[in-house]
Amino acid sequence: MAAQQKNYKALSKLEVFYTGGPSALLPGGEKLACACGDDVKVVSTDGAAVHRTLPGDSEPVTCLAASPNGRTLYVASRSLTLRGWDLETGSPGPHLKGHRGPVSAMAVHPSGGLLATGSADHTTRVWDVDGGFCTHQFGGHGNVVLSVVFRPHHLELITASADGDIIVWDLSKKAARLTLKGHFSATPALAVSTDGNTLVSGSRDRVVKVWDLRSGACTATVPVFEAVECVAVVPSALAARLCPGHEAVCFATGGDKGRVRFWRADGARCVAEQAEDGAVTEAGALVDLFWTDCGQDDSRPPAQVSAQILSTTQDGRVLVHELSAHLPEKAARPRSAKPCAPLGPRCTLTQHLIGNNDQVTDVRLLRLAAGAHASSSGGSRPTHVAVATNSETVRLFRCDGSMGVAGSLAGHTAAVLSLDAWHDWEAGACLLASGSKDCSVRTWRLSGGGGGTTAGEETSDDRASALSSLE
């Protein structure tokens, strides 16, 4: 008689790595630092693997920033602690003391030698990170400093606060060079173009403004109809390829609607929006936007232009979208014809990670791949796992190591308590039943694509329980 196996090795995990709030993308775009309660976890952006955990100090993390070389992560917490961590060794650096309130915004100079911090004490400080001392302290704002950013190619710092004002500081003169007024609410989002001449500011007054940093003039006002929490300027080279023949500033926005949208400043119109996708039925406000790939990959077909942008949400999700446009082939146009515009930029979801599933109430392993190797005897590995949590949505995760979200099944109006599944092994499909506190049972037909639709509904007497079989 064979000995019973007692030791098992986990193939993949669904663990908590992001509870919402601050995040920072490390250079290269392969790793993301996320606030996880009072800790910080560094995870892979193409999966949910945790590479390193930086212990906290029992107070929530308020801000994160990564050095340009990716070796140091600066972490600020509500306890007024501010220090850099060595990501290779996991050891903390010296504590930078000075602010009288929690740090609410941080930015690292492209050289890596300076760190700027904005605080709830209404001040902004610039630190020499090698020496561990403060080089500049600025007042100026009458409320919490919500955003700070260095101006490329210039020794200047730009700050924005909850009073809506934006100040451009000259670090060499240690004084304000410009004060930009125009927003009527808190302004948590700033982004500067790669040439350092254009500033894009997003505010909770539901408006984005574009500024010329040389003159201080507002060159465009774009109503976006949502409270803006983050903005990202589309690099000029990418914008020129997506919109040939136009030199307008293009930018991405995220806010309380939980959707990534791309805009052109001239005409103040949206040129691309996050496509409807079955994997995203939950909506949480976006808190950060990062470019992970700006379309510099020469291996793509000449007629295809694309770039990737990563967003994080307040409810602890990480989304990666691809912005793409297909350019008409030159050979297909007569010589006399005018240059054709791209066939419309499209924004599609390519990766969806859940940082915190909260309380898990039930799980079911699913095999959605058709073929002779899939059988009721369990001869093949599961392709997906269905997870019910204390929410009204059932989530489908891929069992390919990335544990990315393959789909979300929305329909219940209360927390889902139980799941059961029946498989059609030859077709590579299954019926999934879900029971909920809303006193109903729903059945979903799932195929290899990972999507699902409601196939039927039944109402129970009190509380739904797991089905033992489906016929």
Protein backbone atom coordinates (compact mmCIF):
# COMPACT_ATOMS: atom_id res chain seq x y z
CA MET A 1 0.00 0.00 0.00
CA ALA A 2 1.42 3.32 -1.06
CA ALA A 3 2.28 5.76 1.69
CA GLN A 4 -0.06 8.71 2.06
CA GLN A 5 1.44 11.97 0.81
CA LYS A 6 1.68 14.48 3.64
CA ASN A 7 3.73 17.34 2.18
CA TYR A 8 2.47 19.58 -0.61
CA LYS A 9 4.02 22.44 -2.50
CA ALA A 10 1.89 25.39 -3.57
CA LEU A 11 1.80 25.88 -7.34
CA SER A 12 0.39 29.40 -7.08
CA LYS A 13 -1.10 31.64 -4.44
CA LEU A 14 -3.82 34.22 -4.06
CA GLU A 15 -2.52 36.37 -1.24
CA VAL A 16 -3.09 39.91 -0.09
CA PHE A 17 -0.53 42.27 -1.59
CA TYR A 18 -2.40 45.57 -2.05
CA THR A 19 -5.08 47.08 0.14
CA GLY A 20 -5.52 50.29 -1.86
CA GLY A 21 -3.83 53.66 -1.64
CA PRO A 22 -0.28 54.59 -2.64
CA SER A 23 1.78 52.60 -5.13
CA ALA A 24 4.99 53.10 -7.12
CA LEU A 25 6.15 51.44 -10.33
CA LEU A 26 9.81 50.45 -10.36
CA PRO A 27 11.89 51.32 -13.44
CA GLY A 28 11.46 48.75 -16.18
CA GLY A 29 7.79 48.27 -15.39
CA GLU A 30 8.19 44.68 -14.17
CA LYS A 31 7.64 45.31 -10.45
CA LEU A 32 5.17 47.39 -8.49
CA ALA A 33 5.44 48.53 -4.87
CA CYS A 34 2.05 48.52 -3.13
CA ALA A 35 0.78 49.61 0.26
CA CYS A 36 -0.54 46.59 2.15
CA GLY A 37 -1.87 47.86 5.44
CA ASP A 38 1.17 49.22 7.26
CA ASP A 39 3.56 47.08 5.17
CA VAL A 40 4.80 47.52 1.62
CA LYS A 41 4.90 44.60 -0.83
CA VAL A 42 6.86 44.52 -4.08
CA VAL A 43 5.04 42.36 -6.63
CA SER A 44 5.40 41.35 -10.26
CA THR A 45 3.18 43.24 -12.69
CA ASP A 46 2.65 40.17 -14.88
CA GLY A 47 1.38 38.13 -11.95
CA ALA A 48 0.73 38.34 -8.25
CA ALA A 49 4.07 36.97 -7.05
CA VAL A 50 5.38 38.87 -4.02
CA HIS A 51 9.15 39.49 -4.36
CA ARG A 52 9.73 41.35 -1.11
CA THR A 53 7.84 42.59 1.93
CA LEU A 54 9.00 45.72 3.75
CA PRO A 55 7.70 45.75 7.33
CA GLY A 56 5.73 48.74 8.53
CA ASP A 57 5.56 50.63 11.81
CA SER A 58 1.90 49.85 12.73
CA GLU A 59 0.66 53.03 10.95
CA PRO A 60 -0.79 53.15 7.39
CA VAL A 61 1.53 53.94 4.50
CA THR A 62 0.78 57.39 3.05
CA CYS A 63 3.20 57.68 0.12
CA LEU A 64 5.70 55.71 -2.00
CA ALA A 65 8.38 56.69 -4.53
CA ALA A 66 11.08 54.69 -6.32
CA SER A 67 14.56 55.85 -7.27
CA PRO A 68 15.42 56.01 -10.99
CA ASN A 69 17.78 53.02 -10.70
CA GLY A 70 15.12 50.93 -8.92
CA ARG A 71 17.37 50.09 -5.98
CA THR A 72 15.73 52.32 -3.37
CA LEU A 73 12.09 52.68 -2.38
CA TYR A 74 11.09 55.66 -0.26
CA VAL A 75 8.26 54.97 2.18
CA ALA A 76 6.30 57.46 4.29
CA SER A 77 3.71 56.55 6.90
CA ARG A 78 1.17 58.32 9.08
CA SER A 79 3.57 58.05 12.02
CA LEU A 80 5.72 60.73 10.27
CA THR A 81 8.34 58.10 9.45
CA LEU A 82 10.14 58.74 6.15
CA ARG A 83 13.00 56.55 5.01
CA GLY A 84 14.48 54.78 2.01
CA TRP A 85 14.66 50.99 1.76
CA ASP A 86 17.30 49.03 -0.13
CA LEU A 87 15.25 46.69 -2.33
CA GLU A 88 18.18 44.33 -2.88
CA THR A 89 18.86 43.66 0.79
CA GLY A 90 15.56 44.75 2.35
CA SER A 91 17.35 46.97 4.87
CA PRO A 92 16.03 50.43 5.86
CA GLY A 93 17.99 53.65 5.53
CA PRO A 94 18.12 56.58 7.98
CA HIS A 95 14.92 58.34 9.01
CA LEU A 96 14.43 61.76 7.39
CA LYS A 97 12.94 64.05 10.02
CA GLY A 98 11.42 67.47 9.51
CA HIS A 99 7.73 67.42 8.58
CA ARG A 100 5.16 68.01 11.30
CA GLY A 101 2.43 66.19 9.42
CA PRO A 102 2.20 63.00 7.33
CA VAL A 103 3.87 63.06 3.92
CA SER A 104 1.16 63.11 1.24
CA ALA A 105 3.27 63.37 -1.94
CA MET A 106 6.77 62.38 -3.05
CA ALA A 107 8.92 62.58 -6.15
CA VAL A 108 12.52 61.60 -6.90
CA HIS A 109 14.72 63.75 -9.14
CA PRO A 110 15.84 61.98 -12.36
CA SER A 111 19.43 62.10 -11.06
CA GLY A 112 18.37 60.14 -7.99
CA GLY A 113 20.12 62.55 -5.65
CA LEU A 114 17.12 64.62 -4.52
CA LEU A 115 13.81 63.63 -2.94
CA ALA A 116 10.87 66.06 -2.77
CA THR A 117 8.12 65.60 -0.19
CA GLY A 118 4.82 67.41 0.26
CA SER A 119 3.05 67.20 3.59
CA ALA A 120 -0.19 67.75 5.45
CA ASP A 121 1.67 70.50 7.35
CA HIS A 122 1.30 72.64 4.15
CA THR A 123 5.05 72.60 3.45
CA THR A 124 7.30 71.07 0.81
CA ARG A 125 10.82 69.86 1.49
CA VAL A 126 13.67 68.77 -0.77
CA TRP A 127 16.16 66.26 0.66
CA ASP A 128 19.70 65.26 -0.23
CA VAL A 129 19.19 61.48 -0.03
CA ASP A 130 22.90 60.67 0.20
CA GLY A 131 23.58 63.13 2.99
CA GLY A 132 20.19 62.65 4.68
CA PHE A 133 19.55 66.39 5.18
CA CYS A 134 16.98 68.92 3.97
CA THR A 135 18.22 71.32 1.27
CA HIS A 136 15.02 73.34 0.69
CA GLN A 137 11.85 74.12 2.62
CA PHE A 138 8.93 75.91 0.95
CA GLY A 139 5.72 77.27 2.48
CA GLY A 140 3.46 78.98 -0.03
CA HIS A 141 0.45 76.68 0.09
CA GLY A 142 -2.48 77.25 2.41
CA ASN A 143 -3.54 73.61 2.56
CA VAL A 144 -2.28 70.03 2.28
CA VAL A 145 0.29 69.51 -0.50
CA LEU A 146 -1.17 66.74 -2.66
CA SER A 147 1.26 66.42 -5.54
CA VAL A 148 4.92 67.15 -6.29
CA VAL A 149 6.88 66.62 -9.50
CA PHE A 150 10.30 67.66 -10.77
CA ARG A 151 10.47 69.49 -14.09
CA PRO A 152 12.66 67.58 -16.56
CA HIS A 153 15.80 69.38 -17.82
CA HIS A 154 15.31 72.21 -15.30
CA LEU A 155 16.20 72.62 -11.65
CA GLU A 156 12.57 73.28 -10.74
CA LEU A 157 9.92 71.63 -8.59
CA ILE A 158 6.16 71.86 -9.14
CA THR A 159 3.69 71.43 -6.29
CA ALA A 160 -0.11 71.40 -6.05
CA SER A 161 -2.33 71.50 -2.99
CA ALA A 162 -5.85 71.03 -1.71
CA ASP A 163 -6.53 74.75 -2.23
CA GLY A 164 -6.20 74.26 -6.01
CA ASP A 165 -3.08 76.40 -6.45
CA ILE A 166 -0.01 75.18 -8.33
CA ILE A 167 3.44 76.65 -7.62
CA VAL A 168 6.60 76.30 -9.71
CA TRP A 169 9.67 76.58 -7.47
CA ASP A 170 13.13 77.57 -8.70
CA LEU A 171 15.49 75.39 -6.67
CA SER A 172 18.57 77.45 -7.52
CA LYS A 173 16.96 80.66 -6.25
CA LYS A 174 14.95 78.89 -3.50
CA ALA A 175 11.87 80.90 -4.45
CA ALA A 176 8.61 80.59 -6.34
CA ARG A 177 8.88 81.40 -10.05
CA LEU A 178 5.22 80.93 -11.03
CA THR A 179 1.89 80.54 -9.28
CA LEU A 180 -0.74 78.94 -11.50
CA LYS A 181 -4.34 79.61 -10.53
CA GLY A 182 -7.38 78.19 -12.26
CA HIS A 183 -8.59 75.13 -10.37
CA PHE A 184 -11.40 75.51 -7.84
CA SER A 185 -10.83 72.32 -5.86
CA ALA A 186 -8.09 70.03 -4.64
CA THR A 187 -5.50 69.21 -7.32
CA PRO A 188 -3.96 65.78 -6.62
CA ALA A 189 -2.63 65.10 -10.13
CA LEU A 190 0.37 66.64 -11.92
CA ALA A 191 2.31 65.37 -14.93
CA VAL A 192 5.02 67.03 -17.04
CA SER A 193 5.88 66.32 -20.68
CA THR A 194 9.24 64.74 -21.45
CA ASP A 195 10.60 68.02 -22.85
CA GLY A 196 9.71 69.82 -19.61
CA ASN A 197 7.68 72.56 -21.28
CA THR A 198 4.11 71.37 -20.70
CA LEU A 199 2.32 70.70 -17.43
CA VAL A 200 -0.97 68.80 -17.15
CA SER A 201 -2.94 69.24 -13.91
CA GLY A 202 -6.01 67.27 -12.87
CA SER A 203 -8.40 68.41 -10.16
CA ARG A 204 -11.43 67.25 -8.23
CA ASP A 205 -13.28 70.15 -9.85
CA ARG A 206 -13.67 67.68 -12.79
CA VAL A 207 -11.38 69.69 -15.07
CA VAL A 208 -7.90 69.10 -16.51
CA LYS A 209 -5.76 72.08 -17.45
CA VAL A 210 -2.72 72.25 -19.73
CA TRP A 211 -0.06 74.87 -18.91
CA ASP A 212 2.95 76.29 -20.72
CA LEU A 213 5.69 76.21 -18.08
CA ARG A 214 7.78 78.77 -19.93
CA SER A 215 5.18 81.54 -19.72
CA GLY A 216 2.77 80.22 -17.10
CA ALA A 217 -0.18 80.51 -19.50
CA CYS A 218 -3.04 78.04 -19.50
CA THR A 219 -3.21 76.70 -23.06
CA ALA A 220 -6.22 74.37 -22.70
CA THR A 221 -9.04 73.55 -20.31
CA VAL A 222 -10.59 70.10 -20.71
CA PRO A 223 -13.78 69.13 -18.83
CA VAL A 224 -13.50 65.40 -18.05
CA PHE A 225 -16.69 65.07 -15.97
CA GLU A 226 -15.14 63.18 -13.07
CA ALA A 227 -13.06 64.04 -10.02
CA VAL A 228 -9.52 63.48 -11.31
CA GLU A 229 -7.05 61.63 -9.08
CA CYS A 230 -4.22 60.92 -11.54
CA VAL A 231 -2.96 62.03 -14.95
CA ALA A 232 -0.21 60.87 -17.31
CA VAL A 233 1.12 62.70 -20.35
CA VAL A 234 1.28 60.60 -23.51
CA PRO A 235 4.92 60.81 -24.72
CA SER A 236 5.20 63.06 -27.75
CA ALA A 237 6.68 60.33 -29.96
CA LEU A 238 3.79 58.01 -29.16
CA ALA A 239 1.20 60.77 -29.55
CA ALA A 240 2.59 61.63 -32.99
CA ARG A 241 2.22 58.01 -34.09
CA LEU A 242 -1.28 57.65 -32.66
CA CYS A 243 -2.48 60.95 -34.09
CA PRO A 244 -0.29 61.69 -37.14
CA GLY A 245 -0.50 65.20 -38.49
CA HIS A 246 -1.40 66.68 -35.11
CA GLU A 247 0.88 68.24 -32.49
CA ALA A 248 -1.68 68.51 -29.71
CA VAL A 249 -0.88 67.44 -26.16
CA CYS A 250 -2.39 64.04 -25.36
CA PHE A 251 -2.87 62.75 -21.83
CA ALA A 252 -4.55 59.99 -19.81
CA THR A 253 -6.83 60.53 -16.82
CA GLY A 254 -8.18 58.40 -13.99
CA GLY A 255 -10.61 59.29 -11.26
CA ASP A 256 -13.74 58.40 -9.34
CA LYS A 257 -15.37 56.65 -12.32
CA GLY A 258 -12.65 54.00 -12.25
CA ARG A 259 -11.89 54.14 -15.98
CA VAL A 260 -8.78 55.09 -17.95
CA ARG A 261 -9.50 57.67 -20.63
CA PHE A 262 -7.24 59.37 -23.18
CA TRP A 263 -7.73 62.97 -24.29
CA ARG A 264 -6.46 65.50 -26.80
CA ALA A 265 -6.05 69.01 -25.45
CA ASP A 266 -7.04 70.67 -28.72
CA GLY A 267 -10.78 70.29 -29.06
CA ALA A 268 -10.97 68.92 -25.49
CA ARG A 269 -12.19 65.53 -26.64
CA CYS A 270 -11.74 61.95 -25.51
CA VAL A 271 -9.93 59.89 -28.17
CA ALA A 272 -9.92 56.51 -26.39
CA GLU A 273 -11.58 54.96 -23.37
CA GLN A 274 -11.19 51.76 -21.43
CA ALA A 275 -13.23 49.18 -23.33
CA GLU A 276 -16.06 47.29 -21.69
CA ASP A 277 -14.66 43.97 -20.54
CA GLY A 278 -16.15 41.05 -18.70
CA ALA A 279 -13.14 40.94 -16.40
CA VAL A 280 -13.92 44.37 -15.00
CA THR A 281 -17.36 44.64 -13.53
CA GLU A 282 -16.16 46.27 -10.32
CA ALA A 283 -15.58 50.00 -10.20
CA GLY A 284 -13.09 51.63 -7.86
CA ALA A 285 -11.55 55.06 -8.11
CA LEU A 286 -8.17 55.09 -9.86
CA VAL A 287 -5.37 56.47 -7.70
CA ASP A 288 -2.25 56.17 -9.90
CA LEU A 289 -1.26 55.87 -13.58
CA PHE A 290 2.12 54.63 -14.84
CA TRP A 291 3.46 54.02 -18.34
CA THR A 292 5.01 50.53 -18.49
CA ASP A 293 5.67 50.47 -22.25
CA CYS A 294 5.66 53.58 -24.43
CA GLY A 295 5.60 51.82 -27.78
CA GLN A 296 9.36 51.54 -28.31
CA ASP A 297 9.18 47.83 -29.21
CA ASP A 298 10.45 47.52 -32.78
CA SER A 299 9.26 43.90 -33.02
CA ARG A 300 5.68 45.02 -33.56
CA PRO A 301 4.32 45.18 -37.11
CA PRO A 302 4.98 48.60 -38.73
CA ALA A 303 1.24 49.19 -39.11
CA GLN A 304 0.58 48.65 -35.40
CA VAL A 305 1.25 51.25 -32.70
CA SER A 306 0.70 50.33 -29.06
CA ALA A 307 1.72 51.19 -25.53
CA GLN A 308 0.84 49.91 -22.08
CA ILE A 309 -0.36 51.89 -19.09
CA LEU A 310 -0.83 50.53 -15.57
CA SER A 311 -3.40 51.85 -13.12
CA THR A 312 -4.08 51.10 -9.46
CA THR A 313 -7.41 51.50 -7.70
CA GLN A 314 -8.58 52.50 -4.27
CA ASP A 315 -10.14 49.06 -3.73
CA GLY A 316 -6.81 47.28 -4.23
CA ARG A 317 -6.77 46.24 -7.90
CA VAL A 318 -4.00 46.53 -10.50
CA LEU A 319 -5.03 46.99 -14.14
CA VAL A 320 -2.82 47.01 -17.23
CA HIS A 321 -4.31 48.44 -20.44
CA GLU A 322 -2.93 48.53 -23.94
CA LEU A 323 -3.46 51.65 -26.02
CA SER A 324 -3.24 50.67 -29.67
CA ALA A 325 -3.99 51.98 -33.13
CA HIS A 326 -3.67 50.27 -36.50
CA LEU A 327 -2.17 52.48 -39.19
CA PRO A 328 -3.23 51.93 -42.81
CA GLU A 329 -0.60 50.38 -45.05
CA LYS A 330 1.13 52.95 -47.26
CA ALA A 331 1.08 50.62 -50.26
CA ALA A 332 -2.69 50.53 -50.23
CA ARG A 333 -3.00 54.29 -50.85
CA PRO A 334 -2.71 56.09 -54.19
CA ARG A 335 0.21 58.51 -54.37
CA SER A 336 -2.18 61.43 -54.69
CA ALA A 337 -4.12 60.48 -51.59
CA LYS A 338 -3.69 62.41 -48.37
CA PRO A 339 -2.13 60.64 -45.37
CA CYS A 340 -4.70 58.51 -43.56
CA ALA A 341 -5.43 58.77 -39.88
CA PRO A 342 -5.11 55.68 -37.67
CA LEU A 343 -8.16 53.50 -37.33
CA GLY A 344 -9.02 54.91 -33.93
CA PRO A 345 -6.95 54.31 -30.77
CA ARG A 346 -8.34 51.48 -28.66
CA CYS A 347 -7.81 50.84 -24.95
CA THR A 348 -8.11 47.18 -23.97
CA LEU A 349 -7.45 45.35 -20.72
CA THR A 350 -4.48 42.96 -20.83
CA GLN A 351 -3.93 42.21 -17.13
CA HIS A 352 -6.14 42.40 -14.05
CA LEU A 353 -4.78 41.57 -10.58
CA ILE A 354 -6.71 41.59 -7.31
CA GLY A 355 -4.63 42.80 -4.40
CA ASN A 356 -7.13 41.91 -1.69
CA ASN A 357 -9.98 39.41 -1.98
CA ASP A 358 -11.00 40.05 1.63
CA GLN A 359 -12.97 37.17 3.20
CA VAL A 360 -13.19 34.10 0.94
CA THR A 361 -16.46 32.16 1.41
CA ASP A 362 -16.03 29.37 -1.18
CA VAL A 363 -13.80 28.21 -4.06
CA ARG A 364 -14.12 25.75 -6.95
CA LEU A 365 -11.42 24.48 -9.32
CA LEU A 366 -12.48 24.56 -12.99
CA ARG A 367 -11.13 22.89 -16.13
CA LEU A 368 -12.21 24.89 -19.15
CA ALA A 369 -9.80 23.47 -21.74
CA ALA A 370 -11.36 21.04 -24.22
CA GLY A 371 -9.49 17.85 -25.08
CA ALA A 372 -9.04 14.21 -24.34
CA HIS A 373 -6.67 14.90 -21.43
CA ALA A 374 -9.43 16.55 -19.41
CA SER A 375 -11.45 13.95 -17.56
CA SER A 376 -13.49 13.50 -14.43
CA SER A 377 -10.66 11.43 -12.96
CA GLY A 378 -8.68 14.64 -12.54
CA GLY A 379 -5.93 13.76 -15.00
CA SER A 380 -5.33 17.37 -15.95
CA ARG A 381 -4.59 20.45 -13.94
CA PRO A 382 -7.33 23.05 -13.38
CA THR A 383 -7.25 26.01 -15.75
CA HIS A 384 -9.26 28.39 -13.55
CA VAL A 385 -10.45 28.80 -10.00
CA ALA A 386 -13.78 30.41 -9.10
CA VAL A 387 -13.68 32.42 -5.88
CA ALA A 388 -16.62 33.74 -3.87
CA THR A 389 -15.88 36.50 -1.40
CA ASN A 390 -18.00 38.67 0.84
CA SER A 391 -19.16 40.59 -2.22
CA GLU A 392 -21.86 40.09 -4.84
CA THR A 393 -19.32 39.19 -7.57
CA VAL A 394 -17.79 35.79 -8.35
CA ARG A 395 -14.24 36.11 -9.67
CA LEU A 396 -12.52 33.71 -12.05
CA PHE A 397 -8.72 33.48 -11.72
CA ARG A 398 -6.30 31.80 -14.12
CA CYS A 399 -4.26 28.92 -12.73
CA ASP A 400 -1.25 29.70 -14.93
CA GLY A 401 0.96 31.11 -12.19
CA SER A 402 -0.04 34.73 -12.78
CA MET A 403 -3.37 34.33 -10.92
CA GLY A 404 -4.76 37.10 -13.09
CA VAL A 405 -8.49 37.71 -13.31
CA ALA A 406 -10.06 35.94 -16.31
CA GLY A 407 -13.58 37.20 -15.65
CA SER A 408 -16.06 38.48 -13.10
CA LEU A 409 -19.60 37.15 -12.81
CA ALA A 410 -21.95 39.92 -11.73
CA GLY A 411 -25.63 39.44 -11.03
CA HIS A 412 -26.15 38.81 -7.35
CA THR A 413 -27.21 41.70 -5.14
CA ALA A 414 -25.66 40.41 -1.90
CA ALA A 415 -22.59 38.45 -0.80
CA VAL A 416 -22.06 35.09 -2.49
CA LEU A 417 -21.78 32.29 0.08
CA SER A 418 -21.29 29.08 -1.88
CA LEU A 419 -20.29 27.59 -5.24
CA ASP A 420 -20.54 24.28 -7.04
CA ALA A 421 -19.55 23.18 -10.53
CA TRP A 422 -20.41 20.50 -13.13
CA HIS A 423 -18.06 19.87 -16.05
CA ASP A 424 -18.58 18.94 -19.66
CA TRP A 425 -15.15 17.38 -20.10
CA GLU A 426 -15.26 16.89 -23.87
CA ALA A 427 -16.41 20.44 -24.62
CA GLY A 428 -14.08 22.04 -22.09
CA ALA A 429 -16.96 23.92 -20.47
CA CYS A 430 -18.79 23.81 -17.18
CA LEU A 431 -21.84 25.03 -15.32
CA LEU A 432 -21.06 27.01 -12.19
CA ALA A 433 -23.76 27.51 -9.56
CA SER A 434 -23.56 30.33 -7.03
CA GLY A 435 -25.70 30.81 -3.93
CA SER A 436 -26.03 34.21 -2.30
CA LYS A 437 -27.46 36.07 0.67
CA ASP A 438 -29.94 37.62 -1.77
CA CYS A 439 -31.84 34.28 -1.49
CA SER A 440 -31.12 33.26 -5.06
CA VAL A 441 -29.09 30.67 -6.93
CA ARG A 442 -27.60 31.54 -10.29
CA THR A 443 -26.04 29.17 -12.81
CA TRP A 444 -23.35 30.30 -15.23
CA ARG A 445 -22.17 28.52 -18.37
CA LEU A 446 -18.42 28.98 -18.74
CA SER A 447 -16.28 28.19 -21.75
CA GLY A 448 -12.54 28.17 -22.39
CA GLY A 449 -12.61 31.95 -22.97
CA GLY A 450 -13.14 32.55 -19.29
CA GLY A 451 -16.29 34.61 -19.69
CA GLY A 452 -19.72 33.74 -18.39
CA THR A 453 -23.40 34.61 -18.65
CA THR A 454 -26.41 33.90 -16.51
CA ALA A 455 -28.05 30.69 -17.76
CA GLY A 456 -30.75 30.44 -15.15
CA GLU A 457 -31.89 31.70 -11.78
CA GLU A 458 -33.68 30.12 -8.86
CA THR A 459 -34.91 31.61 -5.58
CA SER A 460 -34.37 29.76 -2.33
CA ASP A 461 -36.36 30.06 0.87
CA ASP A 462 -33.81 31.78 3.04
CA ARG A 463 -30.13 31.43 2.33
CA ALA A 464 -28.53 29.77 -0.68
CA SER A 465 -26.26 26.78 -0.13
CA ALA A 466 -23.84 25.01 -2.42
CA LEU A 467 -25.33 22.68 -5.02
CA SER A 468 -24.12 19.10 -4.82
CA SER A 469 -24.76 18.37 -8.51
CA LEU A 470 -26.07 19.83 -11.75
CA GLU A 471 -28.00 17.83 -14.30
